[in-house]
Amino acid sequence: MRPDLTLLRDLIEGSPGFGRGPAGAVPEALIREAEARVGPLPPSYRWWLAEYGHGRAGDADIATVGPGGTDDGMYDDMYESVTAGWRLDGDRLCFAVEPDCGDGYHFVLGRAGEAGEYPVVCRDGADGCEYPVAESFAGFLAVRAALSRGLRDGPVPAVARLWRSTPGVLLDNGVHIYGPHLIQERNETFEVPRYAPGWVLVGDDSGGDGLLMRRHGRDRVSVHRLGLGAVCADVAAEGERVTDDLLGWLRAGAPLPD
């Protein structure tokens, strides 16, 4: 899914340990200079640079772009700069690193995905082994936020896959799938754990109906629509099944029955 940058801002502003560092926002001209050295940067990371410049996502320090303005490239090797020589290793570009020789997070430059985003892998700081983390920089931030809130990969597999690309979705028709910064609060507000144990509220239609999925069991893919004031234990019987393919449904515009 294409990252939703409005929801990404909400995630950053609403997640403890996330946000702006000492360096300021990076002008577009300097972002282009950095791209001339390391190659095209993914759109959601470019957005981060233009909005925040430098900052943290939990324990991970996110690289910025040096101030430029010199002919000798003196800022290219600044440790915090994404153009520092140690950051580019073949088709891996390290954009975030944990302190004290901790894990590093890399864009896989050879595998451009949807909307120009790059997959993100984590390289273990101890043994150098890699494992996949997200499908975009925005997804990396969503995954970090989920972990910091004790949500692990997400409440159900389909939402976990969504978060690896974007911290939620808000479509023109009002369908809103929550990111990790909202999902706990929404479930508590509508008392889903009390009235519908075994279910999770993953979103709503902005018109009074919730979108719920089973936490456990064989059918963890179906999405059911039910009034937020009518949440009950038997969501499947009382509600309306709208899809068994959350991501495909969202890509199609999330049509809802009249």
C-alpha atoms as a PDB file:
ATOM      1  CA  MET A   1       0.000   0.000   0.000  1.00  0.00           C
ATOM      2  CA  ARG A   2       1.138   3.543  -0.703  1.00  0.00           C
ATOM      3  CA  PRO A   3       2.109   5.239   2.576  1.00  0.00           C
ATOM      4  CA  ASP A   4      -0.460   7.691   3.962  1.00  0.00           C
ATOM      5  CA  LEU A   5       1.697  10.671   4.934  1.00  0.00           C
ATOM      6  CA  THR A   6      -1.019  12.387   6.963  1.00  0.00           C
ATOM      7  CA  LEU A   7      -1.390   9.309   9.146  1.00  0.00           C
ATOM      8  CA  LEU A   8       2.392   9.001   9.233  1.00  0.00           C
ATOM      9  CA  ARG A   9       2.644  12.459  10.790  1.00  0.00           C
ATOM     10  CA  ASP A  10      -0.028  11.494  13.327  1.00  0.00           C
ATOM     11  CA  LEU A  11       1.929   8.343  14.173  1.00  0.00           C
ATOM     12  CA  ILE A  12       5.180  10.260  14.703  1.00  0.00           C
ATOM     13  CA  GLU A  13       3.582  12.981  16.794  1.00  0.00           C
ATOM     14  CA  GLY A  14       1.637  10.445  18.862  1.00  0.00           C
ATOM     15  CA  SER A  15       4.377   7.896  19.558  1.00  0.00           C
ATOM     16  CA  PRO A  16       6.657   8.274  22.608  1.00  0.00           C
ATOM     17  CA  GLY A  17      10.308   8.199  21.648  1.00  0.00           C
ATOM     18  CA  PHE A  18       9.610   9.336  18.094  1.00  0.00           C
ATOM     19  CA  GLY A  19      10.230  12.696  16.509  1.00  0.00           C
ATOM     20  CA  ARG A  20      12.555  15.474  15.585  1.00  0.00           C
ATOM     21  CA  GLY A  21      16.242  15.529  16.427  1.00  0.00           C
ATOM     22  CA  PRO A  22      18.631  18.482  16.742  1.00  0.00           C
ATOM     23  CA  ALA A  23      18.992  19.014  12.987  1.00  0.00           C
ATOM     24  CA  GLY A  24      16.220  20.848  11.187  1.00  0.00           C
ATOM     25  CA  ALA A  25      14.179  20.094   8.101  1.00  0.00           C
ATOM     26  CA  VAL A  26      16.225  19.484   4.958  1.00  0.00           C
ATOM     27  CA  PRO A  27      15.663  21.679   1.862  1.00  0.00           C
ATOM     28  CA  GLU A  28      14.727  19.909  -1.349  1.00  0.00           C
ATOM     29  CA  ALA A  29      17.966  21.019  -3.031  1.00  0.00           C
ATOM     30  CA  LEU A  30      20.057  19.222  -0.410  1.00  0.00           C
ATOM     31  CA  ILE A  31      17.932  16.081  -0.675  1.00  0.00           C
ATOM     32  CA  ARG A  32      18.620  16.064  -4.414  1.00  0.00           C
ATOM     33  CA  GLU A  33      22.356  16.518  -3.754  1.00  0.00           C
ATOM     34  CA  ALA A  34      22.270  13.496  -1.447  1.00  0.00           C
ATOM     35  CA  GLU A  35      20.433  11.474  -4.102  1.00  0.00           C
ATOM     36  CA  ALA A  36      23.173  12.328  -6.593  1.00  0.00           C
ATOM     37  CA  ARG A  37      25.557  10.478  -4.261  1.00  0.00           C
ATOM     38  CA  VAL A  38      23.544   7.497  -3.054  1.00  0.00           C
ATOM     39  CA  GLY A  39      20.728   7.199  -5.597  1.00  0.00           C
ATOM     40  CA  PRO A  40      16.991   7.926  -5.382  1.00  0.00           C
ATOM     41  CA  LEU A  41      15.575   7.953  -1.862  1.00  0.00           C
ATOM     42  CA  PRO A  42      12.121   6.512  -1.170  1.00  0.00           C
ATOM     43  CA  PRO A  43       9.251   9.041  -1.047  1.00  0.00           C
ATOM     44  CA  SER A  44       8.273   8.512   2.591  1.00  0.00           C
ATOM     45  CA  TYR A  45      11.904   8.967   3.707  1.00  0.00           C
ATOM     46  CA  ARG A  46      12.202  12.092   1.534  1.00  0.00           C
ATOM     47  CA  TRP A  47       9.060  13.365   3.282  1.00  0.00           C
ATOM     48  CA  TRP A  48      10.667  12.657   6.678  1.00  0.00           C
ATOM     49  CA  LEU A  49      13.798  14.590   5.672  1.00  0.00           C
ATOM     50  CA  ALA A  50      11.745  17.566   4.458  1.00  0.00           C
ATOM     51  CA  GLU A  51       9.544  17.610   7.581  1.00  0.00           C
ATOM     52  CA  TYR A  52      11.883  16.506  10.387  1.00  0.00           C
ATOM     53  CA  GLY A  53      15.388  16.268   8.961  1.00  0.00           C
ATOM     54  CA  HIS A  54      16.770  14.212  11.779  1.00  0.00           C
ATOM     55  CA  GLY A  55      15.265  12.256  14.624  1.00  0.00           C
ATOM     56  CA  ARG A  56      14.593   8.971  16.319  1.00  0.00           C
ATOM     57  CA  ALA A  57      12.215   6.056  16.064  1.00  0.00           C
ATOM     58  CA  GLY A  58      12.464   4.450  19.450  1.00  0.00           C
ATOM     59  CA  ASP A  59      16.123   3.537  19.970  1.00  0.00           C
ATOM     60  CA  ALA A  60      17.063   3.995  16.322  1.00  0.00           C
ATOM     61  CA  ASP A  61      18.736   7.217  15.163  1.00  0.00           C
ATOM     62  CA  ILE A  62      17.534   8.149  11.672  1.00  0.00           C
ATOM     63  CA  ALA A  63      20.057   9.611   9.260  1.00  0.00           C
ATOM     64  CA  THR A  64      19.698  13.115   7.912  1.00  0.00           C
ATOM     65  CA  VAL A  65      21.373  15.057   5.074  1.00  0.00           C
ATOM     66  CA  GLY A  66      24.445  17.198   5.727  1.00  0.00           C
ATOM     67  CA  PRO A  67      24.137  20.977   5.407  1.00  0.00           C
ATOM     68  CA  GLY A  68      26.055  21.128   2.125  1.00  0.00           C
ATOM     69  CA  GLY A  69      27.263  24.445   0.786  1.00  0.00           C
ATOM     70  CA  THR A  70      30.890  23.348   0.292  1.00  0.00           C
ATOM     71  CA  ASP A  71      32.784  22.162  -2.748  1.00  0.00           C
ATOM     72  CA  ASP A  72      34.913  19.573  -0.960  1.00  0.00           C
ATOM     73  CA  GLY A  73      32.063  17.381   0.290  1.00  0.00           C
ATOM     74  CA  MET A  74      33.167  17.789   3.911  1.00  0.00           C
ATOM     75  CA  TYR A  75      29.686  16.987   5.162  1.00  0.00           C
ATOM     76  CA  ASP A  76      29.283  13.798   3.159  1.00  0.00           C
ATOM     77  CA  ASP A  77      31.068  11.758   5.819  1.00  0.00           C
ATOM     78  CA  MET A  78      29.305  13.335   8.778  1.00  0.00           C
ATOM     79  CA  TYR A  79      28.210  10.335  10.865  1.00  0.00           C
ATOM     80  CA  GLU A  80      24.545  11.402  10.914  1.00  0.00           C
ATOM     81  CA  SER A  81      24.435  11.975   7.143  1.00  0.00           C
ATOM     82  CA  VAL A  82      22.846   9.389   4.882  1.00  0.00           C
ATOM     83  CA  THR A  83      25.717  10.079   2.452  1.00  0.00           C
ATOM     84  CA  ALA A  84      28.402   8.936   4.919  1.00  0.00           C
ATOM     85  CA  GLY A  85      30.574   6.380   3.146  1.00  0.00           C
ATOM     86  CA  TRP A  86      29.961   3.569   5.647  1.00  0.00           C
ATOM     87  CA  ARG A  87      26.187   3.677   5.058  1.00  0.00           C
ATOM     88  CA  LEU A  88      26.173   2.446   1.450  1.00  0.00           C
ATOM     89  CA  ASP A  89      27.106  -1.229   1.102  1.00  0.00           C
ATOM     90  CA  GLY A  90      26.293  -2.616  -2.334  1.00  0.00           C
ATOM     91  CA  ASP A  91      22.545  -2.266  -2.727  1.00  0.00           C
ATOM     92  CA  ARG A  92      22.055  -1.684   1.020  1.00  0.00           C
ATOM     93  CA  LEU A  93      21.745   1.881   2.353  1.00  0.00           C
ATOM     94  CA  CYS A  94      21.770   2.216   6.136  1.00  0.00           C
ATOM     95  CA  PHE A  95      19.311   4.940   7.129  1.00  0.00           C
ATOM     96  CA  ALA A  96      18.949   4.158  10.841  1.00  0.00           C
ATOM     97  CA  VAL A  97      21.100   2.573  13.515  1.00  0.00           C
ATOM     98  CA  GLU A  98      20.737   1.703  17.167  1.00  0.00           C
ATOM     99  CA  PRO A  99      23.440   2.945  19.565  1.00  0.00           C
ATOM    100  CA  ASP A 100      26.403   0.984  20.917  1.00  0.00           C
ATOM    101  CA  CYS A 101      26.962  -1.130  17.789  1.00  0.00           C
ATOM    102  CA  GLY A 102      23.304  -2.104  17.739  1.00  0.00           C
ATOM    103  CA  ASP A 103      21.162  -3.179  14.808  1.00  0.00           C
ATOM    104  CA  GLY A 104      21.176  -1.214  11.563  1.00  0.00           C
ATOM    105  CA  TYR A 105      18.216  -0.661   9.255  1.00  0.00           C
ATOM    106  CA  HIS A 106      18.802  -0.616   5.513  1.00  0.00           C
ATOM    107  CA  PHE A 107      16.907   0.168   2.346  1.00  0.00           C
ATOM    108  CA  VAL A 108      17.259  -2.578  -0.276  1.00  0.00           C
ATOM    109  CA  LEU A 109      17.971  -0.304  -3.230  1.00  0.00           C
ATOM    110  CA  GLY A 110      17.761  -3.059  -5.815  1.00  0.00           C
ATOM    111  CA  ARG A 111      14.116  -3.876  -5.059  1.00  0.00           C
ATOM    112  CA  ALA A 112      12.022  -0.769  -5.665  1.00  0.00           C
ATOM    113  CA  GLY A 113       8.424  -1.475  -4.688  1.00  0.00           C
ATOM    114  CA  GLU A 114       5.122   0.346  -4.790  1.00  0.00           C
ATOM    115  CA  ALA A 115       5.314   4.105  -5.410  1.00  0.00           C
ATOM    116  CA  GLY A 116       9.122   4.045  -5.379  1.00  0.00           C
ATOM    117  CA  GLU A 117       9.449   2.749  -1.818  1.00  0.00           C
ATOM    118  CA  TYR A 118      12.226   0.331  -0.882  1.00  0.00           C
ATOM    119  CA  PRO A 119      11.917  -2.687   1.407  1.00  0.00           C
ATOM    120  CA  VAL A 120      13.637  -2.352   4.772  1.00  0.00           C
ATOM    121  CA  VAL A 121      15.843  -5.024   6.313  1.00  0.00           C
ATOM    122  CA  CYS A 122      17.464  -5.146   9.736  1.00  0.00           C
ATOM    123  CA  ARG A 123      21.121  -6.151   9.938  1.00  0.00           C
ATOM    124  CA  ASP A 124      21.900  -7.650  13.335  1.00  0.00           C
ATOM    125  CA  GLY A 125      24.611  -5.670  15.086  1.00  0.00           C
ATOM    126  CA  ALA A 126      26.135  -8.802  16.582  1.00  0.00           C
ATOM    127  CA  ASP A 127      26.317 -11.334  13.751  1.00  0.00           C
ATOM    128  CA  GLY A 128      25.454  -9.318  10.621  1.00  0.00           C
ATOM    129  CA  CYS A 129      22.471 -11.508   9.712  1.00  0.00           C
ATOM    130  CA  GLU A 130      19.594  -9.798   7.932  1.00  0.00           C
ATOM    131  CA  TYR A 131      15.850 -10.182   8.248  1.00  0.00           C
ATOM    132  CA  PRO A 132      12.970  -8.289   6.620  1.00  0.00           C
ATOM    133  CA  VAL A 133      11.246  -5.538   8.605  1.00  0.00           C
ATOM    134  CA  ALA A 134       8.962  -3.490   6.358  1.00  0.00           C
ATOM    135  CA  GLU A 135       8.010  -2.643   2.789  1.00  0.00           C
ATOM    136  CA  SER A 136       8.700   1.100   3.130  1.00  0.00           C
ATOM    137  CA  PHE A 137      10.259   3.699   5.424  1.00  0.00           C
ATOM    138  CA  ALA A 138       6.748   4.595   6.603  1.00  0.00           C
ATOM    139  CA  GLY A 139       6.187   0.916   7.356  1.00  0.00           C
ATOM    140  CA  PHE A 140       9.449   0.814   9.310  1.00  0.00           C
ATOM    141  CA  LEU A 141       8.135   3.625  11.543  1.00  0.00           C
ATOM    142  CA  ALA A 142       4.783   1.857  11.966  1.00  0.00           C
ATOM    143  CA  VAL A 143       6.483  -1.411  12.917  1.00  0.00           C
ATOM    144  CA  ARG A 144       8.682   0.393  15.446  1.00  0.00           C
ATOM    145  CA  ALA A 145       5.645   2.136  16.921  1.00  0.00           C
ATOM    146  CA  ALA A 146       3.751  -1.147  17.211  1.00  0.00           C
ATOM    147  CA  LEU A 147       6.651  -2.794  19.012  1.00  0.00           C
ATOM    148  CA  SER A 148       7.021   0.142  21.398  1.00  0.00           C
ATOM    149  CA  ARG A 149       3.328  -0.192  22.338  1.00  0.00           C
ATOM    150  CA  GLY A 150       3.503  -3.923  22.932  1.00  0.00           C
ATOM    151  CA  LEU A 151       1.491  -4.738  19.792  1.00  0.00           C
ATOM    152  CA  ARG A 152       4.168  -7.014  18.331  1.00  0.00           C
ATOM    153  CA  ASP A 153       3.446  -7.570  14.633  1.00  0.00           C
ATOM    154  CA  GLY A 154      -0.162  -6.372  14.904  1.00  0.00           C
ATOM    155  CA  PRO A 155      -3.482  -7.819  16.080  1.00  0.00           C
ATOM    156  CA  VAL A 156      -4.123  -9.930  12.952  1.00  0.00           C
ATOM    157  CA  PRO A 157      -1.902 -10.895   9.984  1.00  0.00           C
ATOM    158  CA  ALA A 158      -3.633  -8.617   7.445  1.00  0.00           C
ATOM    159  CA  VAL A 159      -3.198  -5.551   9.636  1.00  0.00           C
ATOM    160  CA  ALA A 160       0.423  -6.523  10.279  1.00  0.00           C
ATOM    161  CA  ARG A 161       1.011  -6.617   6.494  1.00  0.00           C
ATOM    162  CA  LEU A 162      -0.646  -3.227   6.121  1.00  0.00           C
ATOM    163  CA  TRP A 163       1.479  -1.679   8.851  1.00  0.00           C
ATOM    164  CA  ARG A 164       4.630  -2.859   7.119  1.00  0.00           C
ATOM    165  CA  SER A 165       3.737  -0.415   4.333  1.00  0.00           C
ATOM    166  CA  THR A 166       1.773   2.388   5.998  1.00  0.00           C
ATOM    167  CA  PRO A 167       0.540   3.326   9.495  1.00  0.00           C
ATOM    168  CA  GLY A 168      -3.093   2.884   8.551  1.00  0.00           C
ATOM    169  CA  VAL A 169      -5.299   4.061   5.687  1.00  0.00           C
ATOM    170  CA  LEU A 170      -7.942   6.777   5.388  1.00  0.00           C
ATOM    171  CA  LEU A 171      -9.817   6.627   2.069  1.00  0.00           C
ATOM    172  CA  ASP A 172     -12.008   9.208   0.370  1.00  0.00           C
ATOM    173  CA  ASN A 173     -15.164   7.234   1.214  1.00  0.00           C
ATOM    174  CA  GLY A 174     -14.373   7.497   4.919  1.00  0.00           C
ATOM    175  CA  VAL A 175     -13.032   3.985   5.473  1.00  0.00           C
ATOM    176  CA  HIS A 176     -10.297   4.271   8.076  1.00  0.00           C
ATOM    177  CA  ILE A 177      -8.015   1.405   9.055  1.00  0.00           C
ATOM    178  CA  TYR A 178      -6.169   2.299  12.230  1.00  0.00           C
ATOM    179  CA  GLY A 179      -2.433   2.480  12.717  1.00  0.00           C
ATOM    180  CA  PRO A 180      -0.591   1.332  15.840  1.00  0.00           C
ATOM    181  CA  HIS A 181      -0.961   4.805  17.387  1.00  0.00           C
ATOM    182  CA  LEU A 182      -4.786   4.569  17.360  1.00  0.00           C
ATOM    183  CA  ILE A 183      -5.896   0.958  17.552  1.00  0.00           C
ATOM    184  CA  GLN A 184      -5.603   0.473  21.316  1.00  0.00           C
ATOM    185  CA  GLU A 185      -7.413   3.700  22.148  1.00  0.00           C
ATOM    186  CA  ARG A 186     -10.269   2.944  19.724  1.00  0.00           C
ATOM    187  CA  ASN A 187     -10.775  -0.553  21.105  1.00  0.00           C
ATOM    188  CA  GLU A 188     -10.815   0.773  24.662  1.00  0.00           C
ATOM    189  CA  THR A 189     -13.203   3.618  23.777  1.00  0.00           C
ATOM    190  CA  PHE A 190     -15.782   1.216  22.317  1.00  0.00           C
ATOM    191  CA  GLU A 191     -15.085  -1.444  24.965  1.00  0.00           C
ATOM    192  CA  VAL A 192     -14.420  -4.126  22.395  1.00  0.00           C
ATOM    193  CA  PRO A 193     -12.479  -6.384  24.795  1.00  0.00           C
ATOM    194  CA  ARG A 194     -15.506  -6.350  27.149  1.00  0.00           C
ATOM    195  CA  TYR A 195     -18.354  -6.797  24.687  1.00  0.00           C
ATOM    196  CA  ALA A 196     -16.631  -8.688  21.862  1.00  0.00           C
ATOM    197  CA  PRO A 197     -13.817 -10.760  23.365  1.00  0.00           C
ATOM    198  CA  GLY A 198     -11.892 -12.507  20.626  1.00  0.00           C
ATOM    199  CA  TRP A 199     -12.463  -9.637  18.187  1.00  0.00           C
ATOM    200  CA  VAL A 200     -10.485  -6.499  17.392  1.00  0.00           C
ATOM    201  CA  LEU A 201     -11.739  -3.222  15.981  1.00  0.00           C
ATOM    202  CA  VAL A 202      -9.368  -2.545  13.084  1.00  0.00           C
ATOM    203  CA  GLY A 203     -11.133   0.491  11.644  1.00  0.00           C
ATOM    204  CA  ASP A 204     -14.414   2.238  10.927  1.00  0.00           C
ATOM    205  CA  ASP A 205     -16.376   3.770   8.064  1.00  0.00           C
ATOM    206  CA  SER A 206     -16.494   7.316   9.533  1.00  0.00           C
ATOM    207  CA  GLY A 207     -20.266   6.912   9.664  1.00  0.00           C
ATOM    208  CA  GLY A 208     -20.858   5.045  12.906  1.00  0.00           C
ATOM    209  CA  ASP A 209     -19.987   1.490  11.848  1.00  0.00           C
ATOM    210  CA  GLY A 210     -16.901  -0.363  12.957  1.00  0.00           C
ATOM    211  CA  LEU A 211     -14.767  -2.850  11.030  1.00  0.00           C
ATOM    212  CA  LEU A 212     -13.872  -5.898  13.118  1.00  0.00           C
ATOM    213  CA  MET A 213     -11.744  -9.016  12.669  1.00  0.00           C
ATOM    214  CA  ARG A 214     -11.251 -12.128  14.766  1.00  0.00           C
ATOM    215  CA  ARG A 215      -8.083 -12.234  16.862  1.00  0.00           C
ATOM    216  CA  HIS A 216      -7.972 -16.042  16.955  1.00  0.00           C
ATOM    217  CA  GLY A 217      -9.356 -19.089  15.172  1.00  0.00           C
ATOM    218  CA  ARG A 218      -9.359 -20.289  11.586  1.00  0.00           C
ATOM    219  CA  ASP A 219     -11.025 -17.208  10.088  1.00  0.00           C
ATOM    220  CA  ARG A 220      -8.733 -14.310  10.865  1.00  0.00           C
ATOM    221  CA  VAL A 221      -9.103 -12.794   7.388  1.00  0.00           C
ATOM    222  CA  SER A 222     -12.784 -11.780   7.229  1.00  0.00           C
ATOM    223  CA  VAL A 223     -13.710  -8.172   7.961  1.00  0.00           C
ATOM    224  CA  HIS A 224     -17.161  -7.566   9.466  1.00  0.00           C
ATOM    225  CA  ARG A 225     -19.063  -4.299   9.623  1.00  0.00           C
ATOM    226  CA  LEU A 226     -21.160  -3.567  12.707  1.00  0.00           C
ATOM    227  CA  GLY A 227     -22.472  -0.455  14.406  1.00  0.00           C
ATOM    228  CA  LEU A 228     -20.049   0.843  17.013  1.00  0.00           C
ATOM    229  CA  GLY A 229     -22.899   1.094  19.480  1.00  0.00           C
ATOM    230  CA  ALA A 230     -23.915  -2.509  18.866  1.00  0.00           C
ATOM    231  CA  VAL A 231     -20.611  -4.312  19.411  1.00  0.00           C
ATOM    232  CA  CYS A 232     -21.347  -7.746  20.847  1.00  0.00           C
ATOM    233  CA  ALA A 233     -19.835 -11.195  21.232  1.00  0.00           C
ATOM    234  CA  ASP A 234     -21.380 -12.581  18.024  1.00  0.00           C
ATOM    235  CA  VAL A 235     -20.076 -10.045  15.521  1.00  0.00           C
ATOM    236  CA  ALA A 236     -20.254 -12.543  12.646  1.00  0.00           C
ATOM    237  CA  ALA A 237     -23.995 -13.110  13.150  1.00  0.00           C
ATOM    238  CA  GLU A 238     -24.983  -9.544  13.965  1.00  0.00           C
ATOM    239  CA  GLY A 239     -22.697  -7.767  11.531  1.00  0.00           C
ATOM    240  CA  GLU A 240     -22.109  -7.791   7.792  1.00  0.00           C
ATOM    241  CA  ARG A 241     -19.098  -9.479   6.205  1.00  0.00           C
ATOM    242  CA  VAL A 242     -17.502  -7.065   3.763  1.00  0.00           C
ATOM    243  CA  THR A 243     -14.320  -8.860   2.605  1.00  0.00           C
ATOM    244  CA  ASP A 244     -11.872 -11.657   3.284  1.00  0.00           C
ATOM    245  CA  ASP A 245      -8.982  -9.742   1.676  1.00  0.00           C
ATOM    246  CA  LEU A 246      -8.354  -6.549   3.613  1.00  0.00           C
ATOM    247  CA  LEU A 247      -5.488  -5.227   1.496  1.00  0.00           C
ATOM    248  CA  GLY A 248      -7.131  -6.089  -1.816  1.00  0.00           C
ATOM    249  CA  TRP A 249     -10.346  -4.450  -0.639  1.00  0.00           C
ATOM    250  CA  LEU A 250      -8.479  -1.282   0.337  1.00  0.00           C
ATOM    251  CA  ARG A 251      -6.665  -1.183  -3.006  1.00  0.00           C
ATOM    252  CA  ALA A 252     -10.063  -1.361  -4.737  1.00  0.00           C
ATOM    253  CA  GLY A 253     -11.297   1.660  -2.768  1.00  0.00           C
ATOM    254  CA  ALA A 254     -12.996  -0.329   0.034  1.00  0.00           C
ATOM    255  CA  PRO A 255     -16.508  -0.404  -1.455  1.00  0.00           C
ATOM    256  CA  LEU A 256     -19.226  -0.845   1.154  1.00  0.00           C
ATOM    257  CA  PRO A 257     -22.698  -2.283   0.552  1.00  0.00           C
ATOM    258  CA  ASP A 258     -25.533   0.255   0.675  1.00  0.00           C
END
